Amino acid sequence: MRLRTVLATLTAGLAAATCLAAAGPAAAGTAARHACSAAVSIDRFSDALDKTTYDGTFVGNFSALAVDRDGSLAALADRSSLFRLDARTLQPRAAVHLADEKGADLDSEGLVIDRDGTRLISSETEPSIRRYSRDGAILDRLPVPPALQVAPAGRATANQTFEGLTMLPGGHTLLASMEYALSGDSAGIVRFQTWTRHHGRFTPGAQYAYRTDAGLGVPEVQATPDGRLLVLERGFTAGVGNTVRLYLADLRHATDTSGIENLTGQPGVRLAEKTLLADIAGCPSLGATAKQPQPNPLLDNIEGMTITGRDHTGRLKVLLVSDDNQNAAQTTRFYYLRVRV
């Protein structure tokens, strides 16, 4: 989304690091030089696509990532484009324009590549989740619970709805994360809505509540192989910069909140458990530069995330991307992390 300025509590414990060459594999060195925390390290970053075009389409505004069935990288722009990128070089190989049922552009935010190759794409304006074919044709649209719809139809605020989208292991449960709280819920309590697949159709299922850090929203979620969630939390303070934190969330003991109208600290409502994996401000900068003030020049408006595999030690390979909003003061940047969960 076009990130609104929010007051974020910043913790900028910058790790001591040796500056390394940007946009390429990290030079040999000790693991400590790449550590963001005890659980997360960064291999490298790439600005290769910043302020570039492909076949007349601006390459940027990225809001979501996914690994496609052929091993390529799908990158969703929030201005109605879906790119196919070379997984190794990041170079664009194709671009598909997306539209709603009336042919209008989408504020497209979340992306899942389904097991049959169809694309599940969320928009934060209604909000909506639509299924598209590879060539961008609409196949159908998932039902959205009334309370999650934008006012006056529901209690959500425009551009603060379905930012994250992920499929849980097994391929039977889809989960979308709201970016900010519904009207009537306590500030910082966001809802995670699920859909269950029955005979090829998705119907609304359980819903869970997750508490963000003060002033932060949820731009992305990704299911881990064991069914937990990687959750990005993000905020921005003018003159200071971005806050981006990576959490591990567990829904197993959380209350199904689909039947609870207002979440205001009721007894007996268990929120999703969360564990901080890393504050990205604590990563080594690796020689990165920023176009505006940041607590760490590596930081930008990070919004997309996908798990691309595991390394030989079992750590998850996690790829992040920032949304530059087609703004000269921001950068389209890819971040290559290794995460131990």
Protein backbone atom coordinates (compact mmCIF):
# COMPACT_ATOMS: atom_id res chain seq x y z
CA MET A 1 0.00 0.00 0.00
CA ARG A 2 1.04 3.64 -0.11
CA LEU A 3 2.47 3.54 3.37
CA ARG A 4 0.91 6.06 5.70
CA THR A 5 3.10 7.65 8.32
CA VAL A 6 2.62 5.96 11.66
CA LEU A 7 4.36 6.65 14.94
CA ALA A 8 6.55 3.62 15.54
CA THR A 9 8.63 2.66 18.54
CA LEU A 10 12.11 2.26 17.13
CA THR A 11 14.80 -0.02 18.45
CA ALA A 12 17.97 0.46 16.50
CA GLY A 13 20.60 -1.80 18.02
CA LEU A 14 22.87 -1.77 14.99
CA ALA A 15 25.15 -4.79 14.77
CA ALA A 16 28.85 -4.18 14.27
CA ALA A 17 29.54 -5.13 10.66
CA THR A 18 32.20 -4.93 8.00
CA CYS A 19 30.91 -3.12 4.93
CA LEU A 20 30.47 -5.51 2.03
CA ALA A 21 29.71 -5.02 -1.63
CA ALA A 22 26.02 -4.36 -2.34
CA ALA A 23 23.87 -6.26 -4.83
CA GLY A 24 25.98 -9.38 -4.87
CA PRO A 25 26.93 -12.48 -2.86
CA ALA A 26 28.37 -11.68 0.53
CA ALA A 27 32.12 -11.90 0.78
CA ALA A 28 33.69 -14.60 2.89
CA GLY A 29 33.70 -13.76 6.56
CA THR A 30 32.54 -14.92 9.93
CA ALA A 31 28.86 -15.67 10.52
CA ALA A 32 28.76 -12.88 13.09
CA ARG A 33 29.27 -10.29 10.39
CA HIS A 34 25.97 -11.34 8.82
CA ALA A 35 23.92 -11.84 11.98
CA CYS A 36 20.78 -9.77 12.51
CA SER A 37 19.98 -11.72 15.68
CA ALA A 38 20.50 -15.18 17.14
CA ALA A 39 17.84 -16.53 14.76
CA VAL A 40 18.32 -14.48 11.57
CA SER A 41 21.24 -13.66 9.30
CA ILE A 42 21.43 -11.80 6.01
CA ASP A 43 23.46 -13.11 3.08
CA ARG A 44 23.13 -10.17 0.72
CA PHE A 45 20.77 -7.66 -0.82
CA SER A 46 20.09 -6.50 -4.36
CA ASP A 47 18.98 -3.15 -5.79
CA ALA A 48 19.20 -4.49 -9.36
CA LEU A 49 15.57 -3.68 -10.21
CA ASP A 50 15.38 -0.24 -8.62
CA LYS A 51 13.77 2.30 -10.99
CA THR A 52 13.81 -0.01 -14.01
CA THR A 53 11.16 -0.87 -16.59
CA TYR A 54 10.20 -4.02 -18.46
CA ASP A 55 8.32 -3.93 -21.75
CA GLY A 56 7.09 -0.42 -20.93
CA THR A 57 5.94 -1.33 -17.40
CA PHE A 58 7.57 0.17 -14.31
CA VAL A 59 9.29 -2.53 -12.26
CA GLY A 60 8.64 -1.79 -8.60
CA ASN A 61 5.80 -1.11 -6.17
CA PHE A 62 6.30 -4.70 -5.00
CA SER A 63 3.91 -5.89 -2.31
CA ALA A 64 4.27 -9.70 -2.41
CA LEU A 65 6.51 -12.53 -3.59
CA ALA A 66 5.95 -16.24 -4.31
CA VAL A 67 7.89 -19.11 -5.82
CA ASP A 68 6.12 -20.33 -8.96
CA ARG A 69 5.75 -23.97 -9.94
CA ASP A 70 8.55 -23.68 -12.52
CA GLY A 71 11.00 -22.31 -9.96
CA SER A 72 10.77 -18.70 -11.13
CA LEU A 73 9.88 -15.87 -8.78
CA ALA A 74 6.48 -14.18 -8.96
CA ALA A 75 6.55 -10.55 -7.82
CA LEU A 76 3.27 -8.70 -7.33
CA ALA A 77 3.11 -4.93 -7.77
CA ASP A 78 0.37 -3.07 -5.94
CA ARG A 79 -0.44 -1.23 -9.15
CA SER A 80 -2.02 -4.19 -10.88
CA SER A 81 0.99 -5.99 -12.39
CA LEU A 82 2.37 -9.48 -11.75
CA PHE A 83 5.96 -10.06 -12.86
CA ARG A 84 7.82 -13.30 -13.50
CA LEU A 85 11.44 -12.87 -12.40
CA ASP A 86 14.46 -15.08 -12.94
CA ALA A 87 15.04 -16.60 -9.49
CA ARG A 88 18.82 -16.20 -9.76
CA THR A 89 19.28 -12.83 -11.49
CA LEU A 90 15.90 -11.21 -10.65
CA GLN A 91 15.60 -10.09 -14.26
CA PRO A 92 11.97 -9.81 -15.45
CA ARG A 93 10.88 -12.41 -17.98
CA ALA A 94 7.17 -11.57 -18.27
CA ALA A 95 4.54 -9.18 -16.92
CA VAL A 96 0.80 -9.76 -16.66
CA HIS A 97 -1.71 -6.97 -16.11
CA LEU A 98 -4.41 -7.65 -13.53
CA ALA A 99 -7.87 -6.11 -13.32
CA ASP A 100 -11.12 -6.50 -11.43
CA GLU A 101 -14.42 -7.67 -12.90
CA LYS A 102 -15.04 -4.22 -14.43
CA GLY A 103 -11.57 -3.96 -15.95
CA ALA A 104 -10.28 -1.51 -13.32
CA ASP A 105 -6.80 -1.75 -11.82
CA LEU A 106 -6.27 -3.39 -8.45
CA ASP A 107 -4.50 -2.30 -5.30
CA SER A 108 -3.02 -5.80 -5.28
CA GLU A 109 -1.23 -6.74 -2.05
CA GLY A 110 -1.11 -10.48 -1.28
CA LEU A 111 -0.11 -13.41 -3.50
CA VAL A 112 -0.33 -17.21 -3.34
CA ILE A 113 0.54 -19.56 -6.20
CA ASP A 114 -1.91 -22.43 -5.79
CA ARG A 115 -1.02 -26.06 -6.45
CA ASP A 116 -2.65 -25.94 -9.91
CA GLY A 117 -0.71 -22.79 -10.86
CA THR A 118 -3.60 -20.37 -10.42
CA ARG A 119 -2.90 -17.10 -8.65
CA LEU A 120 -4.75 -16.07 -5.50
CA ILE A 121 -4.44 -12.30 -5.17
CA SER A 122 -5.77 -10.03 -2.45
CA SER A 123 -6.69 -6.38 -2.78
CA GLU A 124 -6.87 -4.08 0.23
CA THR A 125 -9.56 -1.75 -1.07
CA GLU A 126 -12.79 -3.78 -0.72
CA PRO A 127 -11.05 -6.02 0.48
CA SER A 128 -11.11 -9.00 -1.89
CA ILE A 129 -9.36 -12.21 -2.85
CA ARG A 130 -9.64 -13.29 -6.47
CA ARG A 131 -8.35 -16.33 -8.32
CA TYR A 132 -6.59 -15.63 -11.63
CA SER A 133 -5.28 -17.83 -14.40
CA ARG A 134 -1.64 -17.52 -15.44
CA ASP A 135 -2.64 -15.06 -18.18
CA GLY A 136 -4.55 -12.80 -15.77
CA ALA A 137 -8.14 -13.94 -16.39
CA ILE A 138 -10.42 -13.90 -13.32
CA LEU A 139 -11.61 -17.39 -12.38
CA ASP A 140 -13.64 -16.59 -9.26
CA ARG A 141 -13.74 -14.53 -6.08
CA LEU A 142 -13.69 -15.67 -2.47
CA PRO A 143 -16.39 -14.58 0.01
CA VAL A 144 -15.21 -12.10 2.66
CA PRO A 145 -16.84 -12.00 6.13
CA PRO A 146 -18.96 -8.83 6.45
CA ALA A 147 -17.06 -7.36 9.41
CA LEU A 148 -13.78 -7.38 7.45
CA GLN A 149 -15.22 -5.33 4.61
CA VAL A 150 -14.49 -1.62 4.34
CA ALA A 151 -16.97 0.73 6.01
CA PRO A 152 -19.87 1.31 5.63
CA ALA A 153 -20.32 -2.34 4.56
CA GLY A 154 -18.06 -3.52 7.38
CA ARG A 155 -15.70 -2.25 10.07
CA ALA A 156 -12.41 -2.09 8.18
CA THR A 157 -10.63 1.04 6.97
CA ALA A 158 -9.77 1.42 3.28
CA ASN A 159 -6.15 0.50 2.47
CA GLN A 160 -5.71 -1.20 5.87
CA THR A 161 -7.11 -4.64 5.10
CA PHE A 162 -5.73 -7.76 3.34
CA GLU A 163 -2.00 -7.06 3.05
CA GLY A 164 -0.69 -10.58 3.69
CA LEU A 165 -1.77 -13.86 2.08
CA THR A 166 -0.42 -17.39 2.55
CA MET A 167 -1.40 -21.04 2.14
CA LEU A 168 -0.91 -23.29 5.13
CA PRO A 169 0.88 -26.64 4.67
CA GLY A 170 -1.31 -29.23 2.94
CA GLY A 171 -2.93 -26.69 0.65
CA HIS A 172 -6.37 -26.81 2.29
CA THR A 173 -6.32 -23.57 4.32
CA LEU A 174 -5.72 -20.06 3.01
CA LEU A 175 -4.94 -17.24 5.46
CA ALA A 176 -5.12 -13.47 4.96
CA SER A 177 -3.82 -10.92 7.45
CA MET A 178 -5.41 -7.55 8.05
CA GLU A 179 -2.85 -4.75 8.19
CA TYR A 180 -4.50 -2.76 10.98
CA ALA A 181 -7.30 -3.16 13.50
CA LEU A 182 -11.02 -3.08 12.74
CA SER A 183 -13.11 -0.25 14.12
CA GLY A 184 -14.25 -1.38 17.55
CA ASP A 185 -11.20 -3.59 18.19
CA SER A 186 -8.37 -2.46 20.42
CA ALA A 187 -5.54 -0.63 18.64
CA GLY A 188 -2.86 -3.07 17.56
CA ILE A 189 -5.16 -6.11 17.44
CA VAL A 190 -5.34 -7.34 13.86
CA ARG A 191 -7.37 -10.26 12.57
CA PHE A 192 -6.08 -13.21 10.58
CA GLN A 193 -8.90 -14.74 8.51
CA THR A 194 -8.80 -18.27 7.09
CA TRP A 195 -10.67 -20.03 4.30
CA THR A 196 -11.02 -23.81 4.00
CA ARG A 197 -11.01 -25.57 0.64
CA HIS A 198 -14.01 -27.84 0.01
CA HIS A 199 -14.31 -29.54 -3.39
CA GLY A 200 -12.15 -26.86 -4.98
CA ARG A 201 -14.00 -23.92 -3.39
CA PHE A 202 -12.83 -21.77 -0.49
CA THR A 203 -15.26 -20.90 2.30
CA PRO A 204 -14.53 -18.70 5.36
CA GLY A 205 -13.14 -20.61 8.32
CA ALA A 206 -11.60 -19.78 11.67
CA GLN A 207 -10.28 -16.35 12.49
CA TYR A 208 -7.50 -15.40 14.90
CA ALA A 209 -6.29 -12.25 16.65
CA TYR A 210 -2.68 -11.05 16.64
CA ARG A 211 -1.25 -8.10 18.59
CA THR A 212 1.32 -5.93 16.81
CA ASP A 213 3.97 -3.81 18.48
CA ALA A 214 2.86 -0.24 19.18
CA GLY A 215 2.34 1.77 16.00
CA LEU A 216 3.12 -1.10 13.62
CA GLY A 217 0.97 -2.90 11.06
CA VAL A 218 1.22 -6.28 9.31
CA PRO A 219 2.25 -6.06 5.64
CA GLU A 220 2.92 -9.78 5.10
CA VAL A 221 2.61 -13.29 6.53
CA GLN A 222 4.11 -16.57 5.31
CA ALA A 223 3.39 -20.08 6.56
CA THR A 224 6.39 -22.12 7.66
CA PRO A 225 6.60 -25.84 6.81
CA ASP A 226 5.38 -26.75 10.32
CA GLY A 227 2.28 -24.53 10.08
CA ARG A 228 3.46 -21.55 12.10
CA LEU A 229 3.66 -18.09 10.54
CA LEU A 230 6.45 -15.68 9.75
CA VAL A 231 4.91 -12.24 10.35
CA LEU A 232 6.36 -8.94 9.18
CA GLU A 233 5.52 -5.89 11.27
CA ARG A 234 6.24 -2.47 9.81
CA GLY A 235 5.90 1.23 10.52
CA PHE A 236 7.33 4.56 9.40
CA THR A 237 8.18 7.79 11.18
CA ALA A 238 8.98 10.85 9.07
CA GLY A 239 12.53 12.04 9.59
CA VAL A 240 13.51 8.78 11.29
CA GLY A 241 12.63 6.02 8.85
CA ASN A 242 11.19 2.52 8.84
CA THR A 243 10.74 -0.03 11.57
CA VAL A 244 10.59 -3.60 10.26
CA ARG A 245 10.49 -6.61 12.58
CA LEU A 246 10.18 -10.31 11.81
CA TYR A 247 8.16 -12.47 14.21
CA LEU A 248 7.25 -16.14 14.45
CA ALA A 249 3.57 -16.62 15.31
CA ASP A 250 1.76 -19.75 16.51
CA LEU A 251 -2.00 -20.06 16.12
CA ARG A 252 -2.41 -23.49 17.73
CA HIS A 253 -3.72 -22.21 21.06
CA ALA A 254 -5.35 -19.02 19.79
CA THR A 255 -9.08 -18.41 20.12
CA ASP A 256 -11.31 -18.49 17.04
CA THR A 257 -12.51 -14.88 17.01
CA SER A 258 -14.86 -15.13 14.04
CA GLY A 259 -17.89 -14.87 16.34
CA ILE A 260 -16.53 -12.04 18.50
CA GLU A 261 -17.68 -8.61 17.33
CA ASN A 262 -15.23 -6.42 19.27
CA LEU A 263 -11.80 -7.46 20.51
CA THR A 264 -11.15 -5.23 23.49
CA GLY A 265 -9.29 -7.43 25.93
CA GLN A 266 -12.08 -9.86 26.81
CA PRO A 267 -11.08 -12.55 29.30
CA GLY A 268 -10.66 -15.95 27.75
CA VAL A 269 -9.64 -14.67 24.31
CA ARG A 270 -6.19 -16.04 23.56
CA LEU A 271 -4.16 -14.14 20.99
CA ALA A 272 -1.68 -15.77 18.64
CA GLU A 273 1.61 -16.34 20.42
CA LYS A 274 4.52 -14.47 18.87
CA THR A 275 8.29 -14.55 19.23
CA LEU A 276 10.64 -11.89 17.91
CA LEU A 277 13.12 -13.32 15.42
CA ALA A 278 14.83 -10.09 14.38
CA ASP A 279 14.52 -6.34 14.15
CA ILE A 280 15.85 -5.69 10.64
CA ALA A 281 17.50 -2.50 11.91
CA GLY A 282 19.86 -4.83 13.74
CA CYS A 283 21.18 -6.42 10.53
CA PRO A 284 24.60 -5.41 9.20
CA SER A 285 24.18 -2.74 6.53
CA LEU A 286 26.37 -4.63 4.00
CA GLY A 287 27.32 -1.31 2.44
CA ALA A 288 23.74 -0.34 1.61
CA THR A 289 22.79 3.29 1.15
CA ALA A 290 19.47 4.96 1.88
CA LYS A 291 17.78 7.78 -0.03
CA GLN A 292 16.08 9.13 3.09
CA PRO A 293 16.79 8.96 6.85
CA GLN A 294 16.79 5.40 8.19
CA PRO A 295 17.96 3.90 11.49
CA ASN A 296 19.98 1.51 9.29
CA PRO A 297 20.69 2.37 5.63
CA LEU A 298 19.76 -1.20 4.73
CA LEU A 299 16.13 -0.49 5.64
CA ASP A 300 13.37 0.56 3.29
CA ASN A 301 9.61 0.03 3.05
CA ILE A 302 9.78 -3.79 3.27
CA GLU A 303 6.44 -5.29 2.30
CA GLY A 304 6.80 -8.65 0.52
CA MET A 305 8.14 -11.99 1.78
CA THR A 306 8.40 -15.59 0.63
CA ILE A 307 10.19 -18.75 1.76
CA THR A 308 12.33 -20.10 -1.08
CA GLY A 309 13.69 -23.27 0.58
CA ARG A 310 16.09 -24.48 3.28
CA ASP A 311 19.84 -24.42 3.56
CA HIS A 312 22.02 -27.40 4.52
CA THR A 313 21.58 -26.63 8.23
CA GLY A 314 17.77 -26.55 8.04
CA ARG A 315 17.42 -22.80 8.21
CA LEU A 316 14.67 -21.27 6.07
CA LYS A 317 15.77 -19.20 3.11
CA VAL A 318 13.57 -16.12 3.24
CA LEU A 319 13.40 -13.43 0.57
CA LEU A 320 12.05 -9.97 1.39
CA VAL A 321 11.33 -7.07 -0.97
CA SER A 322 10.59 -3.40 -0.40
CA ASP A 323 7.83 -1.36 -2.04
CA ASP A 324 9.38 1.82 -3.45
CA ASN A 325 5.96 3.40 -4.16
CA GLN A 326 7.53 4.63 -7.41
CA ASN A 327 9.11 7.29 -5.21
CA ALA A 328 12.57 8.77 -5.80
CA ALA A 329 13.23 8.72 -2.04
CA GLN A 330 12.65 4.96 -1.76
CA THR A 331 14.36 1.88 -3.18
CA THR A 332 13.21 -1.44 -4.64
CA ARG A 333 15.45 -3.77 -2.64
CA PHE A 334 15.56 -7.56 -2.24
CA TYR A 335 16.90 -9.07 1.01
CA TYR A 336 18.24 -12.62 1.27
CA LEU A 337 17.81 -13.94 4.82
CA ARG A 338 18.36 -17.22 6.61
CA VAL A 339 15.97 -17.85 9.47
CA ARG A 340 16.11 -20.48 12.19
CA VAL A 341 12.68 -21.27 13.62
